[in-house]
Amino acid sequence: MNCKKYFALLSLPLLIAFLSSFTSSEKLDFTTEVIQISDDRINIEVTILSGEPEFMYSLWNSEPWENGTEIENSGVVNSSVYTFRNLDRKPYVIVVSDKNGLRRVKQVEIMTVGQSGY
């Protein structure tokens, strides 16, 4: 076998593995769970599924780009779980950012106990 061909066959898998290591950490995702604490009060638990620690969790009354108001902000935390506590029972928007500056926004609809919104 030609040396150049052999080198190319070995190089391609290494190149793919090398490039995929950059894209795998370039993702931020989370889930939410609404926990009813009384008839008119809830907690919203946010759990990070992927992303780099040094997260910032913020709670908004509507979309930030549509004149929403930020209600609560965690500041920078390393925990992959954060709970917004003792909230009125109404829809909210959750914004999470990570150390790499990635940001993800999800709307939380209030359904029945134990269900999550998005």
N, C-alpha and C. Protein backbone atom coordinates (compact mmCIF):
# COMPACT_ATOMS: atom_id res chain seq x y z
N MET A 1 0.85 -1.18 0.00
CA MET A 1 0.00 0.00 0.00
C MET A 1 0.89 1.24 0.00
N ASN A 2 0.47 2.21 -0.71
CA ASN A 2 1.16 3.48 -0.80
C ASN A 2 1.19 4.14 0.58
N CYS A 3 2.32 4.68 1.01
CA CYS A 3 2.46 5.31 2.33
C CYS A 3 1.51 6.48 2.50
N LYS A 4 1.31 7.27 1.46
CA LYS A 4 0.42 8.43 1.55
C LYS A 4 -1.02 7.98 1.81
N LYS A 5 -1.45 6.90 1.12
CA LYS A 5 -2.80 6.38 1.33
C LYS A 5 -2.96 5.88 2.76
N TYR A 6 -1.97 5.15 3.25
CA TYR A 6 -2.00 4.60 4.60
C TYR A 6 -2.09 5.73 5.62
N PHE A 7 -1.31 6.77 5.45
CA PHE A 7 -1.32 7.92 6.35
C PHE A 7 -2.70 8.60 6.33
N ALA A 8 -3.28 8.75 5.14
CA ALA A 8 -4.59 9.38 5.00
C ALA A 8 -5.66 8.55 5.69
N LEU A 9 -5.60 7.23 5.59
CA LEU A 9 -6.58 6.36 6.24
C LEU A 9 -6.49 6.46 7.76
N LEU A 10 -5.29 6.60 8.29
CA LEU A 10 -5.11 6.75 9.72
C LEU A 10 -5.49 8.15 10.20
N SER A 11 -5.25 9.13 9.40
CA SER A 11 -5.48 10.52 9.79
C SER A 11 -6.96 10.88 9.86
N LEU A 12 -7.76 10.34 8.97
CA LEU A 12 -9.18 10.71 8.94
C LEU A 12 -9.90 10.40 10.25
N PRO A 13 -9.80 9.20 10.83
CA PRO A 13 -10.48 8.95 12.10
C PRO A 13 -9.96 9.84 13.23
N LEU A 14 -8.67 10.11 13.24
CA LEU A 14 -8.11 10.99 14.27
C LEU A 14 -8.63 12.41 14.12
N LEU A 15 -8.73 12.88 12.89
CA LEU A 15 -9.25 14.21 12.64
C LEU A 15 -10.71 14.32 13.07
N ILE A 16 -11.50 13.32 12.76
CA ILE A 16 -12.92 13.32 13.16
C ILE A 16 -13.04 13.33 14.67
N ALA A 17 -12.27 12.50 15.37
CA ALA A 17 -12.31 12.46 16.84
C ALA A 17 -11.88 13.80 17.42
N PHE A 18 -10.85 14.40 16.85
CA PHE A 18 -10.35 15.68 17.34
C PHE A 18 -11.41 16.78 17.18
N LEU A 19 -12.03 16.86 16.02
CA LEU A 19 -13.04 17.89 15.77
C LEU A 19 -14.29 17.67 16.60
N SER A 20 -14.68 16.43 16.82
CA SER A 20 -15.89 16.18 17.60
C SER A 20 -15.70 16.56 19.06
N SER A 21 -14.47 16.57 19.55
CA SER A 21 -14.24 16.97 20.94
C SER A 21 -14.57 18.45 21.14
N PHE A 22 -14.48 19.26 20.10
CA PHE A 22 -14.82 20.67 20.21
C PHE A 22 -16.32 20.89 20.17
N THR A 23 -17.02 20.15 19.35
CA THR A 23 -18.45 20.40 19.20
C THR A 23 -19.27 19.80 20.32
N SER A 24 -18.81 18.75 20.99
CA SER A 24 -19.62 18.10 22.01
C SER A 24 -19.84 19.00 23.22
N SER A 25 -18.87 19.84 23.58
CA SER A 25 -19.04 20.71 24.74
C SER A 25 -19.73 22.03 24.37
N GLU A 26 -19.99 22.24 23.10
CA GLU A 26 -20.61 23.48 22.64
C GLU A 26 -22.13 23.37 22.65
N LYS A 27 -22.69 22.85 23.73
CA LYS A 27 -24.12 22.68 23.81
C LYS A 27 -24.57 22.98 25.23
N LEU A 28 -25.69 23.63 25.36
CA LEU A 28 -26.29 23.90 26.66
C LEU A 28 -27.74 23.48 26.58
N ASP A 29 -28.15 22.64 27.51
CA ASP A 29 -29.55 22.22 27.55
C ASP A 29 -29.96 21.98 28.99
N PHE A 30 -31.25 22.15 29.27
CA PHE A 30 -31.76 21.93 30.62
C PHE A 30 -33.22 21.52 30.57
N THR A 31 -33.67 20.94 31.68
CA THR A 31 -35.08 20.61 31.85
C THR A 31 -35.63 21.42 33.01
N THR A 32 -36.94 21.52 33.06
CA THR A 32 -37.60 22.18 34.19
C THR A 32 -38.66 21.26 34.76
N GLU A 33 -38.87 21.39 36.06
CA GLU A 33 -39.97 20.68 36.71
C GLU A 33 -40.69 21.66 37.63
N VAL A 34 -42.01 21.71 37.49
CA VAL A 34 -42.83 22.56 38.33
C VAL A 34 -43.29 21.74 39.52
N ILE A 35 -43.04 22.26 40.72
CA ILE A 35 -43.41 21.56 41.95
C ILE A 35 -44.39 22.44 42.70
N GLN A 36 -45.60 21.95 42.88
CA GLN A 36 -46.63 22.72 43.59
C GLN A 36 -46.37 22.63 45.08
N ILE A 37 -46.32 23.79 45.75
CA ILE A 37 -46.10 23.79 47.20
C ILE A 37 -47.35 24.22 47.96
N SER A 38 -48.31 24.84 47.27
CA SER A 38 -49.63 25.14 47.83
C SER A 38 -50.57 25.37 46.65
N ASP A 39 -51.82 25.72 46.94
CA ASP A 39 -52.78 25.92 45.85
C ASP A 39 -52.34 26.98 44.85
N ASP A 40 -51.65 28.02 45.34
CA ASP A 40 -51.29 29.13 44.44
C ASP A 40 -49.78 29.42 44.39
N ARG A 41 -48.96 28.53 44.96
CA ARG A 41 -47.50 28.75 44.98
C ARG A 41 -46.79 27.53 44.40
N ILE A 42 -45.68 27.79 43.68
CA ILE A 42 -44.90 26.71 43.06
C ILE A 42 -43.41 26.96 43.25
N ASN A 43 -42.64 25.90 43.07
CA ASN A 43 -41.20 25.98 42.87
C ASN A 43 -40.94 25.52 41.45
N ILE A 44 -39.91 26.05 40.83
CA ILE A 44 -39.47 25.57 39.51
C ILE A 44 -38.03 25.09 39.67
N GLU A 45 -37.82 23.78 39.44
CA GLU A 45 -36.49 23.20 39.53
C GLU A 45 -35.90 23.09 38.12
N VAL A 46 -34.71 23.63 37.94
CA VAL A 46 -34.01 23.61 36.66
C VAL A 46 -32.83 22.66 36.80
N THR A 47 -32.72 21.70 35.87
CA THR A 47 -31.64 20.72 35.89
C THR A 47 -30.87 20.80 34.57
N ILE A 48 -29.57 21.04 34.65
CA ILE A 48 -28.71 21.13 33.47
C ILE A 48 -28.45 19.72 32.93
N LEU A 49 -28.66 19.55 31.64
CA LEU A 49 -28.37 18.27 30.96
C LEU A 49 -27.00 18.30 30.29
N SER A 50 -26.61 19.47 29.78
CA SER A 50 -25.29 19.63 29.15
C SER A 50 -24.90 21.09 29.22
N GLY A 51 -23.61 21.32 29.33
CA GLY A 51 -23.08 22.68 29.44
C GLY A 51 -21.89 22.70 30.37
N GLU A 52 -21.18 23.81 30.40
CA GLU A 52 -19.98 23.95 31.23
C GLU A 52 -20.33 24.70 32.52
N PRO A 53 -19.96 24.14 33.70
CA PRO A 53 -20.24 24.82 34.97
C PRO A 53 -19.77 26.27 34.99
N GLU A 54 -20.30 26.96 35.96
CA GLU A 54 -20.35 28.40 36.11
C GLU A 54 -21.59 28.85 35.34
N PHE A 55 -22.73 28.33 35.84
CA PHE A 55 -24.02 28.62 35.24
C PHE A 55 -24.62 29.86 35.87
N MET A 56 -25.49 30.52 35.13
CA MET A 56 -26.30 31.60 35.67
C MET A 56 -27.74 31.31 35.27
N TYR A 57 -28.60 31.24 36.29
CA TYR A 57 -30.01 30.96 36.09
C TYR A 57 -30.79 32.26 36.32
N SER A 58 -31.68 32.60 35.39
CA SER A 58 -32.52 33.77 35.62
C SER A 58 -33.97 33.46 35.26
N LEU A 59 -34.86 34.10 35.99
CA LEU A 59 -36.30 33.90 35.88
C LEU A 59 -36.92 35.21 35.41
N TRP A 60 -37.74 35.12 34.35
CA TRP A 60 -38.36 36.29 33.75
C TRP A 60 -39.87 36.12 33.71
N ASN A 61 -40.59 37.25 33.71
CA ASN A 61 -42.05 37.18 33.62
C ASN A 61 -42.55 37.01 32.19
N SER A 62 -41.70 37.26 31.20
CA SER A 62 -42.00 37.01 29.79
C SER A 62 -40.67 37.04 29.03
N GLU A 63 -40.71 36.89 27.72
CA GLU A 63 -39.48 36.85 26.94
C GLU A 63 -38.65 38.12 27.15
N PRO A 64 -37.35 37.97 27.42
CA PRO A 64 -36.49 39.14 27.64
C PRO A 64 -36.48 40.10 26.46
N TRP A 65 -36.63 39.59 25.25
CA TRP A 65 -36.58 40.43 24.06
C TRP A 65 -37.91 41.12 23.78
N GLU A 66 -38.94 40.80 24.58
CA GLU A 66 -40.25 41.45 24.42
C GLU A 66 -40.63 42.21 25.68
N ASN A 67 -39.69 43.00 26.19
CA ASN A 67 -39.92 43.84 27.37
C ASN A 67 -40.22 43.05 28.63
N GLY A 68 -39.70 41.81 28.72
CA GLY A 68 -39.84 41.03 29.94
C GLY A 68 -39.03 41.65 31.07
N THR A 69 -39.40 41.31 32.29
CA THR A 69 -38.70 41.79 33.47
C THR A 69 -38.05 40.61 34.18
N GLU A 70 -36.78 40.76 34.51
CA GLU A 70 -36.11 39.71 35.26
C GLU A 70 -36.59 39.76 36.71
N ILE A 71 -37.05 38.61 37.20
CA ILE A 71 -37.60 38.52 38.55
C ILE A 71 -36.53 38.07 39.54
N GLU A 72 -35.70 37.12 39.11
CA GLU A 72 -34.68 36.57 40.00
C GLU A 72 -33.48 36.14 39.17
N ASN A 73 -32.28 36.27 39.77
CA ASN A 73 -31.05 35.86 39.11
C ASN A 73 -30.17 35.16 40.14
N SER A 74 -29.63 33.99 39.78
CA SER A 74 -28.84 33.20 40.73
C SER A 74 -27.44 33.76 40.94
N GLY A 75 -26.95 34.60 40.02
CA GLY A 75 -25.54 34.90 40.01
C GLY A 75 -24.82 33.67 39.48
N VAL A 76 -23.51 33.68 39.45
CA VAL A 76 -22.75 32.55 38.91
C VAL A 76 -22.68 31.45 39.98
N VAL A 77 -23.11 30.24 39.59
CA VAL A 77 -23.07 29.07 40.49
C VAL A 77 -22.52 27.87 39.72
N ASN A 78 -21.96 26.92 40.45
CA ASN A 78 -21.41 25.71 39.83
C ASN A 78 -22.40 24.56 39.84
N SER A 79 -23.49 24.70 40.56
CA SER A 79 -24.47 23.62 40.68
C SER A 79 -25.24 23.41 39.38
N SER A 80 -25.47 22.15 39.03
CA SER A 80 -26.24 21.83 37.82
C SER A 80 -27.74 21.73 38.11
N VAL A 81 -28.14 22.01 39.34
CA VAL A 81 -29.56 22.06 39.70
C VAL A 81 -29.79 23.35 40.47
N TYR A 82 -30.84 24.08 40.08
CA TYR A 82 -31.19 25.32 40.76
C TYR A 82 -32.70 25.39 40.88
N THR A 83 -33.19 25.87 42.02
CA THR A 83 -34.64 25.94 42.25
C THR A 83 -35.06 27.38 42.51
N PHE A 84 -36.01 27.86 41.72
CA PHE A 84 -36.68 29.13 41.98
C PHE A 84 -37.84 28.79 42.92
N ARG A 85 -37.90 29.44 44.07
CA ARG A 85 -38.82 29.04 45.14
C ARG A 85 -39.95 30.04 45.39
N ASN A 86 -41.07 29.48 45.83
CA ASN A 86 -42.21 30.25 46.33
C ASN A 86 -42.72 31.27 45.32
N LEU A 87 -42.99 30.79 44.11
CA LEU A 87 -43.44 31.66 43.02
C LEU A 87 -44.95 31.61 42.87
N ASP A 88 -45.51 32.71 42.33
CA ASP A 88 -46.93 32.70 41.96
C ASP A 88 -47.14 31.63 40.89
N ARG A 89 -48.31 31.06 40.87
CA ARG A 89 -48.64 30.02 39.90
C ARG A 89 -49.03 30.67 38.57
N LYS A 90 -48.03 30.91 37.71
CA LYS A 90 -48.23 31.51 36.39
C LYS A 90 -47.05 31.14 35.49
N PRO A 91 -47.14 31.36 34.19
CA PRO A 91 -46.03 31.03 33.28
C PRO A 91 -44.81 31.93 33.52
N TYR A 92 -43.64 31.36 33.26
CA TYR A 92 -42.38 32.09 33.40
C TYR A 92 -41.46 31.73 32.22
N VAL A 93 -40.41 32.50 32.07
CA VAL A 93 -39.35 32.21 31.10
C VAL A 93 -38.07 32.02 31.90
N ILE A 94 -37.38 30.90 31.62
CA ILE A 94 -36.10 30.61 32.27
C ILE A 94 -34.98 30.83 31.26
N VAL A 95 -33.95 31.56 31.67
CA VAL A 95 -32.76 31.77 30.84
C VAL A 95 -31.58 31.22 31.62
N VAL A 96 -30.83 30.32 30.97
CA VAL A 96 -29.64 29.74 31.59
C VAL A 96 -28.46 30.03 30.67
N SER A 97 -27.34 30.46 31.26
CA SER A 97 -26.11 30.64 30.49
C SER A 97 -24.99 29.87 31.20
N ASP A 98 -23.94 29.54 30.45
CA ASP A 98 -22.84 28.80 31.05
C ASP A 98 -21.52 29.54 30.87
N LYS A 99 -20.45 28.90 31.34
CA LYS A 99 -19.11 29.49 31.33
C LYS A 99 -18.64 29.89 29.93
N ASN A 100 -19.11 29.17 28.91
CA ASN A 100 -18.70 29.46 27.54
C ASN A 100 -19.52 30.56 26.89
N GLY A 101 -20.46 31.14 27.63
CA GLY A 101 -21.30 32.19 27.07
C GLY A 101 -22.49 31.67 26.28
N LEU A 102 -22.69 30.35 26.29
CA LEU A 102 -23.88 29.80 25.62
C LEU A 102 -25.10 30.14 26.44
N ARG A 103 -26.22 30.37 25.79
CA ARG A 103 -27.45 30.75 26.47
C ARG A 103 -28.60 29.95 25.89
N ARG A 104 -29.50 29.52 26.78
CA ARG A 104 -30.69 28.77 26.36
C ARG A 104 -31.89 29.36 27.08
N VAL A 105 -32.99 29.50 26.35
CA VAL A 105 -34.21 30.10 26.89
C VAL A 105 -35.35 29.11 26.73
N LYS A 106 -36.14 28.91 27.79
CA LYS A 106 -37.32 28.05 27.72
C LYS A 106 -38.46 28.69 28.50
N GLN A 107 -39.66 28.53 27.95
CA GLN A 107 -40.85 29.00 28.65
C GLN A 107 -41.40 27.86 29.50
N VAL A 108 -41.79 28.19 30.71
CA VAL A 108 -42.36 27.20 31.62
C VAL A 108 -43.85 27.48 31.72
N GLU A 109 -44.63 26.55 31.20
CA GLU A 109 -46.09 26.63 31.31
C GLU A 109 -46.50 25.89 32.57
N ILE A 110 -47.45 26.42 33.27
CA ILE A 110 -47.92 25.77 34.48
C ILE A 110 -49.05 24.82 34.11
N MET A 111 -48.79 23.53 34.34
CA MET A 111 -49.78 22.50 34.02
C MET A 111 -50.22 21.86 35.33
N THR A 112 -50.21 20.55 35.39
CA THR A 112 -50.56 19.89 36.63
C THR A 112 -49.30 19.57 37.40
N VAL A 113 -49.45 19.20 38.65
CA VAL A 113 -48.33 18.94 39.53
C VAL A 113 -47.41 17.87 38.93
N GLY A 114 -46.09 18.15 38.96
CA GLY A 114 -45.10 17.18 38.52
C GLY A 114 -44.79 17.24 37.04
N GLN A 115 -45.59 17.95 36.23
CA GLN A 115 -45.29 18.06 34.81
C GLN A 115 -44.36 19.23 34.59
N SER A 116 -43.64 19.20 33.48
CA SER A 116 -42.74 20.31 33.18
C SER A 116 -43.17 21.00 31.91
N GLY A 117 -42.77 22.24 31.80
CA GLY A 117 -43.09 23.02 30.61
C GLY A 117 -41.86 23.26 29.78
N TYR A 118 -42.07 23.92 28.60
CA TYR A 118 -40.93 24.20 27.75
C TYR A 118 -41.22 25.16 26.70
